[in-house]
Amino acid sequence: MAPTRTRRLAPGGSIDAHRHDDHQIVYAGRGVLTVTTDAGSWVAPGTRAIWVPAGVVHAHRAYGELDLHLVGLPVTENPLGLDAPTVLAVSPLLRELLIAYTRAEDDGESPERARLRAVLLDQLRASDAQQPLHLPTPIAPPLRDLCAILRADPGDGRTLAELGRQVGAGDRTLSRLFRSDLGMTFPQWRTQLRLHHALILLTERTPVTAVAHQCGWSSASAFIEVFRRTFGHTPGSHPAE
């Protein structure tokens, strides 16, 4: 049974790969959470939660002090009909519902708790799926090598052709693999990677200008605009805790 509770993780803390027979909603009340499976990784700052379907083997990692709110749901309850891990938008109301519902161990459904759960499910049905926060893991060997290079240094600004020379593949081949293997273009994947890394750096209280530089944006203003479009607020207002 997937637990319904709150768990605190220290910066850098993790939960090893595991699976549940039930669905689970994972929400970080503070800090930044990543959920990783064989298919890739999903990142969630405080305005997002992650839906983990039943049976999916997954691991958690904390960046910054993390209050982890976990809600288990039986396989018969899937408000959004999701069959893969997905990042969800968390409204202010949904945030308070998740925190309240996970404040105590689930020791039975009192009428009050049942009503709280019903409202929580209603809010989930109204939540938007936020797939842009998914960073898929490649399978093709040259793509895996290229992505490993950029994961090691998200600020690497080389073109696809230049990176291709290092991994022994042409840019046309790599471009085709990005679309067929990962379902996105190379610029889209690199932007996702940089946003993932930016969230982690912001949680570590790295100044915005330094984050922009380390993640490969040409200027702080360019980084701020991409961040605002993705998360709905500027990096300067991103909660570090």
C-alpha atoms as a PDB file:
ATOM      1  CA  MET A   1       0.000   0.000   0.000  1.00  0.00           C
ATOM      2  CA  ALA A   2       1.367   3.424  -0.921  1.00  0.00           C
ATOM      3  CA  PRO A   3       1.616   5.448   2.303  1.00  0.00           C
ATOM      4  CA  THR A   4      -0.237   8.660   3.066  1.00  0.00           C
ATOM      5  CA  ARG A   5       1.981  10.708   5.347  1.00  0.00           C
ATOM      6  CA  THR A   6       4.553  13.482   5.591  1.00  0.00           C
ATOM      7  CA  ARG A   7       8.263  12.700   5.541  1.00  0.00           C
ATOM      8  CA  ARG A   8      11.205  15.046   5.926  1.00  0.00           C
ATOM      9  CA  LEU A   9      14.352  14.606   3.824  1.00  0.00           C
ATOM     10  CA  ALA A  10      17.621  16.444   4.458  1.00  0.00           C
ATOM     11  CA  PRO A  11      19.375  18.207   1.553  1.00  0.00           C
ATOM     12  CA  GLY A  12      20.788  15.519  -0.732  1.00  0.00           C
ATOM     13  CA  GLY A  13      18.637  12.880   0.933  1.00  0.00           C
ATOM     14  CA  SER A  14      17.058  10.154  -1.158  1.00  0.00           C
ATOM     15  CA  ILE A  15      14.652   7.236  -1.139  1.00  0.00           C
ATOM     16  CA  ASP A  16      15.945   4.215  -3.059  1.00  0.00           C
ATOM     17  CA  ALA A  17      14.101   2.736  -6.028  1.00  0.00           C
ATOM     18  CA  HIS A  18      10.849   1.049  -5.018  1.00  0.00           C
ATOM     19  CA  ARG A  19       7.302   0.484  -6.266  1.00  0.00           C
ATOM     20  CA  HIS A  20       3.759   0.514  -4.885  1.00  0.00           C
ATOM     21  CA  ASP A  21       0.651  -1.456  -5.805  1.00  0.00           C
ATOM     22  CA  ASP A  22      -1.269   1.823  -5.588  1.00  0.00           C
ATOM     23  CA  HIS A  23      -0.998   5.226  -7.218  1.00  0.00           C
ATOM     24  CA  GLN A  24       0.834   7.939  -5.315  1.00  0.00           C
ATOM     25  CA  ILE A  25       0.925  11.733  -5.358  1.00  0.00           C
ATOM     26  CA  VAL A  26       4.266  13.145  -4.210  1.00  0.00           C
ATOM     27  CA  TYR A  27       4.467  16.813  -3.233  1.00  0.00           C
ATOM     28  CA  ALA A  28       7.398  18.782  -1.818  1.00  0.00           C
ATOM     29  CA  GLY A  29       6.072  21.507   0.462  1.00  0.00           C
ATOM     30  CA  ARG A  30       9.524  23.100   0.336  1.00  0.00           C
ATOM     31  CA  GLY A  31      12.758  22.373  -1.515  1.00  0.00           C
ATOM     32  CA  VAL A  32      12.883  20.676  -4.921  1.00  0.00           C
ATOM     33  CA  LEU A  33      12.017  17.021  -5.516  1.00  0.00           C
ATOM     34  CA  THR A  34      13.098  14.754  -8.356  1.00  0.00           C
ATOM     35  CA  VAL A  35      11.490  11.418  -9.155  1.00  0.00           C
ATOM     36  CA  THR A  36      13.545   9.120 -11.385  1.00  0.00           C
ATOM     37  CA  THR A  37      12.527   5.984 -13.303  1.00  0.00           C
ATOM     38  CA  ASP A  38      14.102   4.041 -16.162  1.00  0.00           C
ATOM     39  CA  ALA A  39      12.218   6.356 -18.529  1.00  0.00           C
ATOM     40  CA  GLY A  40      13.670   9.599 -17.190  1.00  0.00           C
ATOM     41  CA  SER A  41      13.347  12.093 -14.380  1.00  0.00           C
ATOM     42  CA  TRP A  42      10.672  14.548 -13.283  1.00  0.00           C
ATOM     43  CA  VAL A  43      11.346  17.653 -11.203  1.00  0.00           C
ATOM     44  CA  ALA A  44       8.894  19.430  -8.927  1.00  0.00           C
ATOM     45  CA  PRO A  45       9.380  22.750  -7.148  1.00  0.00           C
ATOM     46  CA  GLY A  46       6.828  23.940  -4.600  1.00  0.00           C
ATOM     47  CA  THR A  47       4.199  24.772  -7.222  1.00  0.00           C
ATOM     48  CA  ARG A  48       4.161  21.246  -8.652  1.00  0.00           C
ATOM     49  CA  ALA A  49       3.441  17.675  -7.534  1.00  0.00           C
ATOM     50  CA  ILE A  50       4.349  14.400  -9.227  1.00  0.00           C
ATOM     51  CA  TRP A  51       1.863  11.645 -10.028  1.00  0.00           C
ATOM     52  CA  VAL A  52       3.440   8.172  -9.776  1.00  0.00           C
ATOM     53  CA  PRO A  53       1.212   5.401 -11.191  1.00  0.00           C
ATOM     54  CA  ALA A  54       0.870   2.034  -9.494  1.00  0.00           C
ATOM     55  CA  GLY A  55       3.628  -0.446 -10.311  1.00  0.00           C
ATOM     56  CA  VAL A  56       6.194   2.096 -11.538  1.00  0.00           C
ATOM     57  CA  VAL A  57       9.647   1.606 -10.011  1.00  0.00           C
ATOM     58  CA  HIS A  58      10.856   5.031  -8.904  1.00  0.00           C
ATOM     59  CA  ALA A  59      13.362   6.790  -6.636  1.00  0.00           C
ATOM     60  CA  HIS A  60      13.244  10.184  -4.893  1.00  0.00           C
ATOM     61  CA  ARG A  61      15.967  12.771  -4.324  1.00  0.00           C
ATOM     62  CA  ALA A  62      15.803  15.978  -2.295  1.00  0.00           C
ATOM     63  CA  TYR A  63      17.435  19.290  -3.118  1.00  0.00           C
ATOM     64  CA  GLY A  64      17.268  21.622  -0.168  1.00  0.00           C
ATOM     65  CA  GLU A  65      15.386  20.734   3.016  1.00  0.00           C
ATOM     66  CA  LEU A  66      12.389  18.746   1.805  1.00  0.00           C
ATOM     67  CA  ASP A  67       8.968  18.259   3.367  1.00  0.00           C
ATOM     68  CA  LEU A  68       7.617  15.321   1.376  1.00  0.00           C
ATOM     69  CA  HIS A  69       3.830  14.942   1.362  1.00  0.00           C
ATOM     70  CA  LEU A  70       2.719  11.519   0.132  1.00  0.00           C
ATOM     71  CA  VAL A  71      -0.847  10.567  -0.781  1.00  0.00           C
ATOM     72  CA  GLY A  72      -1.660   6.966  -1.676  1.00  0.00           C
ATOM     73  CA  LEU A  73      -4.660   6.221  -3.912  1.00  0.00           C
ATOM     74  CA  PRO A  74      -6.034   2.779  -4.864  1.00  0.00           C
ATOM     75  CA  VAL A  75      -5.618   1.720  -8.481  1.00  0.00           C
ATOM     76  CA  THR A  76      -9.357   2.252  -8.999  1.00  0.00           C
ATOM     77  CA  GLU A  77      -8.922   5.995  -8.386  1.00  0.00           C
ATOM     78  CA  ASN A  78      -7.064   7.837 -11.132  1.00  0.00           C
ATOM     79  CA  PRO A  79      -8.636  11.314 -11.372  1.00  0.00           C
ATOM     80  CA  LEU A  80      -6.654  12.342 -14.477  1.00  0.00           C
ATOM     81  CA  GLY A  81      -6.391   8.932 -16.139  1.00  0.00           C
ATOM     82  CA  LEU A  82      -2.577   9.052 -16.124  1.00  0.00           C
ATOM     83  CA  ASP A  83      -0.569   5.894 -16.842  1.00  0.00           C
ATOM     84  CA  ALA A  84       2.933   7.425 -16.609  1.00  0.00           C
ATOM     85  CA  PRO A  85       4.673   9.696 -14.089  1.00  0.00           C
ATOM     86  CA  THR A  86       3.487  13.253 -14.653  1.00  0.00           C
ATOM     87  CA  VAL A  87       4.160  16.639 -13.105  1.00  0.00           C
ATOM     88  CA  LEU A  88       0.976  18.376 -11.967  1.00  0.00           C
ATOM     89  CA  ALA A  89       0.251  22.037 -11.288  1.00  0.00           C
ATOM     90  CA  VAL A  90      -0.530  22.676  -7.616  1.00  0.00           C
ATOM     91  CA  SER A  91      -2.909  25.541  -6.905  1.00  0.00           C
ATOM     92  CA  PRO A  92      -2.805  27.278  -3.508  1.00  0.00           C
ATOM     93  CA  LEU A  93      -5.923  25.333  -2.458  1.00  0.00           C
ATOM     94  CA  LEU A  94      -4.520  21.974  -3.599  1.00  0.00           C
ATOM     95  CA  ARG A  95      -1.293  22.728  -1.724  1.00  0.00           C
ATOM     96  CA  GLU A  96      -3.183  23.256   1.539  1.00  0.00           C
ATOM     97  CA  LEU A  97      -5.255  20.114   0.951  1.00  0.00           C
ATOM     98  CA  LEU A  98      -2.144  17.990   0.379  1.00  0.00           C
ATOM     99  CA  ILE A  99      -0.487  19.341   3.518  1.00  0.00           C
ATOM    100  CA  ALA A 100      -3.599  18.902   5.664  1.00  0.00           C
ATOM    101  CA  TYR A 101      -4.394  15.401   4.370  1.00  0.00           C
ATOM    102  CA  THR A 102      -0.854  14.115   4.984  1.00  0.00           C
ATOM    103  CA  ARG A 103      -0.368  15.793   8.361  1.00  0.00           C
ATOM    104  CA  ALA A 104      -1.237  12.588  10.241  1.00  0.00           C
ATOM    105  CA  GLU A 105      -0.893   8.904   9.417  1.00  0.00           C
ATOM    106  CA  ASP A 106      -3.964   7.496   7.661  1.00  0.00           C
ATOM    107  CA  ASP A 107      -5.625   5.643  10.550  1.00  0.00           C
ATOM    108  CA  GLY A 108      -9.056   5.329   9.029  1.00  0.00           C
ATOM    109  CA  GLU A 109     -11.586   7.472   7.186  1.00  0.00           C
ATOM    110  CA  SER A 110     -13.482   9.698   9.578  1.00  0.00           C
ATOM    111  CA  PRO A 111     -16.312  11.706   7.968  1.00  0.00           C
ATOM    112  CA  GLU A 112     -14.142  14.838   8.144  1.00  0.00           C
ATOM    113  CA  ARG A 113     -11.194  13.095   6.522  1.00  0.00           C
ATOM    114  CA  ALA A 114     -13.406  11.601   3.816  1.00  0.00           C
ATOM    115  CA  ARG A 115     -14.708  15.074   2.939  1.00  0.00           C
ATOM    116  CA  LEU A 116     -11.164  16.441   2.811  1.00  0.00           C
ATOM    117  CA  ARG A 117     -10.157  13.589   0.498  1.00  0.00           C
ATOM    118  CA  ALA A 118     -13.135  14.217  -1.795  1.00  0.00           C
ATOM    119  CA  VAL A 119     -12.196  17.881  -2.217  1.00  0.00           C
ATOM    120  CA  LEU A 120      -8.555  16.891  -2.812  1.00  0.00           C
ATOM    121  CA  LEU A 121      -9.627  14.545  -5.634  1.00  0.00           C
ATOM    122  CA  ASP A 122     -11.817  17.268  -7.137  1.00  0.00           C
ATOM    123  CA  GLN A 123      -8.839  19.629  -7.176  1.00  0.00           C
ATOM    124  CA  LEU A 124      -6.671  16.959  -8.769  1.00  0.00           C
ATOM    125  CA  ARG A 125      -9.198  16.555 -11.580  1.00  0.00           C
ATOM    126  CA  ALA A 126      -8.892  20.281 -12.227  1.00  0.00           C
ATOM    127  CA  SER A 127      -5.075  20.201 -12.178  1.00  0.00           C
ATOM    128  CA  ASP A 128      -3.070  20.692 -15.371  1.00  0.00           C
ATOM    129  CA  ALA A 129      -0.476  18.113 -16.383  1.00  0.00           C
ATOM    130  CA  GLN A 130       2.918  19.804 -16.776  1.00  0.00           C
ATOM    131  CA  GLN A 131       4.940  17.480 -19.002  1.00  0.00           C
ATOM    132  CA  PRO A 132       7.569  20.186 -19.783  1.00  0.00           C
ATOM    133  CA  LEU A 133       9.177  19.278 -16.453  1.00  0.00           C
ATOM    134  CA  HIS A 134       9.946  15.766 -17.684  1.00  0.00           C
ATOM    135  CA  LEU A 135      13.506  14.992 -18.781  1.00  0.00           C
ATOM    136  CA  PRO A 136      13.388  11.673 -20.678  1.00  0.00           C
ATOM    137  CA  THR A 137      16.283   9.221 -20.619  1.00  0.00           C
ATOM    138  CA  PRO A 138      17.666   8.255 -24.066  1.00  0.00           C
ATOM    139  CA  ILE A 139      18.206   4.685 -25.236  1.00  0.00           C
ATOM    140  CA  ALA A 140      20.295   5.045 -28.426  1.00  0.00           C
ATOM    141  CA  PRO A 141      24.031   4.875 -27.530  1.00  0.00           C
ATOM    142  CA  PRO A 142      25.186   8.093 -29.262  1.00  0.00           C
ATOM    143  CA  LEU A 143      22.278   9.984 -27.715  1.00  0.00           C
ATOM    144  CA  ARG A 144      23.079   8.604 -24.276  1.00  0.00           C
ATOM    145  CA  ASP A 145      26.688   9.754 -24.639  1.00  0.00           C
ATOM    146  CA  LEU A 146      25.656  13.228 -25.782  1.00  0.00           C
ATOM    147  CA  CYS A 147      23.104  13.650 -22.998  1.00  0.00           C
ATOM    148  CA  ALA A 148      25.652  12.505 -20.413  1.00  0.00           C
ATOM    149  CA  ILE A 149      28.028  15.263 -21.601  1.00  0.00           C
ATOM    150  CA  LEU A 150      25.348  17.907 -21.140  1.00  0.00           C
ATOM    151  CA  ARG A 151      24.168  16.527 -17.800  1.00  0.00           C
ATOM    152  CA  ALA A 152      27.743  16.911 -16.551  1.00  0.00           C
ATOM    153  CA  ASP A 153      27.786  20.531 -17.753  1.00  0.00           C
ATOM    154  CA  PRO A 154      24.357  22.014 -18.577  1.00  0.00           C
ATOM    155  CA  GLY A 155      26.092  25.262 -19.518  1.00  0.00           C
ATOM    156  CA  ASP A 156      27.897  23.634 -22.437  1.00  0.00           C
ATOM    157  CA  GLY A 157      26.843  25.808 -25.384  1.00  0.00           C
ATOM    158  CA  ARG A 158      28.143  23.703 -28.268  1.00  0.00           C
ATOM    159  CA  THR A 159      25.876  23.068 -31.242  1.00  0.00           C
ATOM    160  CA  LEU A 160      24.438  19.644 -32.026  1.00  0.00           C
ATOM    161  CA  ALA A 161      26.987  19.251 -34.843  1.00  0.00           C
ATOM    162  CA  GLU A 162      29.878  20.060 -32.500  1.00  0.00           C
ATOM    163  CA  LEU A 163      28.638  17.650 -29.848  1.00  0.00           C
ATOM    164  CA  GLY A 164      28.032  15.054 -32.561  1.00  0.00           C
ATOM    165  CA  ARG A 165      31.695  15.098 -33.527  1.00  0.00           C
ATOM    166  CA  GLN A 166      32.590  14.159 -29.949  1.00  0.00           C
ATOM    167  CA  VAL A 167      30.170  11.210 -29.836  1.00  0.00           C
ATOM    168  CA  GLY A 168      30.759  10.078 -33.415  1.00  0.00           C
ATOM    169  CA  ALA A 169      27.367  10.862 -34.950  1.00  0.00           C
ATOM    170  CA  GLY A 170      26.113  13.448 -37.431  1.00  0.00           C
ATOM    171  CA  ASP A 171      23.749  16.207 -36.409  1.00  0.00           C
ATOM    172  CA  ARG A 172      20.999  14.930 -38.728  1.00  0.00           C
ATOM    173  CA  THR A 173      21.173  11.488 -37.165  1.00  0.00           C
ATOM    174  CA  LEU A 174      21.142  12.948 -33.661  1.00  0.00           C
ATOM    175  CA  SER A 175      18.287  15.295 -34.496  1.00  0.00           C
ATOM    176  CA  ARG A 176      16.241  12.361 -35.772  1.00  0.00           C
ATOM    177  CA  LEU A 177      17.071  10.332 -32.640  1.00  0.00           C
ATOM    178  CA  PHE A 178      15.974  13.141 -30.337  1.00  0.00           C
ATOM    179  CA  ARG A 179      12.565  13.132 -31.993  1.00  0.00           C
ATOM    180  CA  SER A 180      12.133   9.355 -32.245  1.00  0.00           C
ATOM    181  CA  ASP A 181      13.788   8.369 -28.939  1.00  0.00           C
ATOM    182  CA  LEU A 182      12.824  11.261 -26.670  1.00  0.00           C
ATOM    183  CA  GLY A 183       9.834  12.822 -28.413  1.00  0.00           C
ATOM    184  CA  MET A 184      11.368  16.305 -28.460  1.00  0.00           C
ATOM    185  CA  THR A 185      13.941  18.348 -30.312  1.00  0.00           C
ATOM    186  CA  PHE A 186      17.503  18.869 -29.141  1.00  0.00           C
ATOM    187  CA  PRO A 187      16.845  22.522 -28.114  1.00  0.00           C
ATOM    188  CA  GLN A 188      13.760  21.441 -26.170  1.00  0.00           C
ATOM    189  CA  TRP A 189      15.678  18.717 -24.308  1.00  0.00           C
ATOM    190  CA  ARG A 190      18.580  21.028 -23.512  1.00  0.00           C
ATOM    191  CA  THR A 191      16.207  23.696 -22.189  1.00  0.00           C
ATOM    192  CA  GLN A 192      14.544  21.085 -19.968  1.00  0.00           C
ATOM    193  CA  LEU A 193      17.923  19.997 -18.639  1.00  0.00           C
ATOM    194  CA  ARG A 194      18.927  23.578 -17.911  1.00  0.00           C
ATOM    195  CA  LEU A 195      15.653  24.296 -16.105  1.00  0.00           C
ATOM    196  CA  HIS A 196      16.119  21.170 -13.961  1.00  0.00           C
ATOM    197  CA  HIS A 197      19.614  22.302 -13.048  1.00  0.00           C
ATOM    198  CA  ALA A 198      18.448  25.874 -12.442  1.00  0.00           C
ATOM    199  CA  LEU A 199      15.849  24.717  -9.913  1.00  0.00           C
ATOM    200  CA  ILE A 200      18.521  22.856  -7.970  1.00  0.00           C
ATOM    201  CA  LEU A 201      20.910  25.811  -7.988  1.00  0.00           C
ATOM    202  CA  LEU A 202      18.164  28.184  -6.831  1.00  0.00           C
ATOM    203  CA  THR A 203      17.348  25.843  -3.964  1.00  0.00           C
ATOM    204  CA  GLU A 204      21.015  26.090  -2.979  1.00  0.00           C
ATOM    205  CA  ARG A 205      20.559  29.907  -2.917  1.00  0.00           C
ATOM    206  CA  THR A 206      22.789  30.513  -5.940  1.00  0.00           C
ATOM    207  CA  PRO A 207      22.268  34.093  -7.249  1.00  0.00           C
ATOM    208  CA  VAL A 208      20.050  34.342 -10.332  1.00  0.00           C
ATOM    209  CA  THR A 209      22.811  35.795 -12.541  1.00  0.00           C
ATOM    210  CA  ALA A 210      25.158  32.947 -11.576  1.00  0.00           C
ATOM    211  CA  VAL A 211      22.399  30.384 -12.272  1.00  0.00           C
ATOM    212  CA  ALA A 212      21.855  31.846 -15.743  1.00  0.00           C
ATOM    213  CA  HIS A 213      25.587  31.650 -16.491  1.00  0.00           C
ATOM    214  CA  GLN A 214      26.078  28.119 -15.128  1.00  0.00           C
ATOM    215  CA  CYS A 215      23.055  26.820 -17.042  1.00  0.00           C
ATOM    216  CA  GLY A 216      24.128  28.296 -20.371  1.00  0.00           C
ATOM    217  CA  TRP A 217      21.778  31.221 -20.941  1.00  0.00           C
ATOM    218  CA  SER A 218      23.245  34.182 -22.794  1.00  0.00           C
ATOM    219  CA  SER A 219      21.958  36.623 -20.193  1.00  0.00           C
ATOM    220  CA  ALA A 220      20.102  36.751 -16.897  1.00  0.00           C
ATOM    221  CA  SER A 221      17.118  38.350 -18.639  1.00  0.00           C
ATOM    222  CA  ALA A 222      16.870  35.483 -21.155  1.00  0.00           C
ATOM    223  CA  PHE A 223      16.947  32.960 -18.290  1.00  0.00           C
ATOM    224  CA  ILE A 224      14.330  34.892 -16.299  1.00  0.00           C
ATOM    225  CA  GLU A 225      11.947  34.951 -19.265  1.00  0.00           C
ATOM    226  CA  VAL A 226      12.204  31.184 -19.924  1.00  0.00           C
ATOM    227  CA  PHE A 227      11.827  30.452 -16.205  1.00  0.00           C
ATOM    228  CA  ARG A 228       8.787  32.721 -15.886  1.00  0.00           C
ATOM    229  CA  ARG A 229       7.060  31.134 -18.904  1.00  0.00           C
ATOM    230  CA  THR A 230       7.641  27.649 -17.488  1.00  0.00           C
ATOM    231  CA  PHE A 231       6.899  28.118 -13.786  1.00  0.00           C
ATOM    232  CA  GLY A 232       4.647  31.163 -13.724  1.00  0.00           C
ATOM    233  CA  HIS A 233       6.958  33.294 -11.575  1.00  0.00           C
ATOM    234  CA  THR A 234      10.473  34.713 -11.768  1.00  0.00           C
ATOM    235  CA  PRO A 235      13.508  32.834 -10.403  1.00  0.00           C
ATOM    236  CA  GLY A 236      14.080  35.649  -7.921  1.00  0.00           C
ATOM    237  CA  SER A 237      10.773  34.766  -6.247  1.00  0.00           C
ATOM    238  CA  HIS A 238      11.412  31.006  -6.369  1.00  0.00           C
ATOM    239  CA  PRO A 239      11.052  29.607  -2.824  1.00  0.00           C
ATOM    240  CA  ALA A 240      14.327  28.184  -1.543  1.00  0.00           C
ATOM    241  CA  GLU A 241      12.558  26.604   1.419  1.00  0.00           C
END
